[in-house]
Amino acid sequence: MKNKVRDLRKELGLRQEDLAAQIQLKGINMERDSISRIEIGTRFVSDFELKIFAEVLGVSVNWLLGIDE
C-alpha cells in the first residue's frame, strides 16, 4: 500500500500536507508525519483510515491493498 499511496498522491499533485489535510476534513486526525511514515512503511493503517484514504484518493480499498491490479 505504501508505494500506491505515494505514487497516487504525487500523480494527483498533492503534497503530504495536502493529503493529511483532506483526511482531516473527513474526521481522521492525521499529520504530515503520519503520511510520511505510511509511505515508507513504518506506520500501520487501520481499517477505518484505509477507507478514508481510498475515498480521498478516489480509488477502491481493494486497489490500495493490491487486490484489484
Foldseek 3Di string as FASTA:
>chain_A
DLCVLVVLCVVVVHQLQRLQVQLVVVPDNGHSVNNVCSNVVNDDQDPVNLCSSCVVSVHDSCVVVVNPD
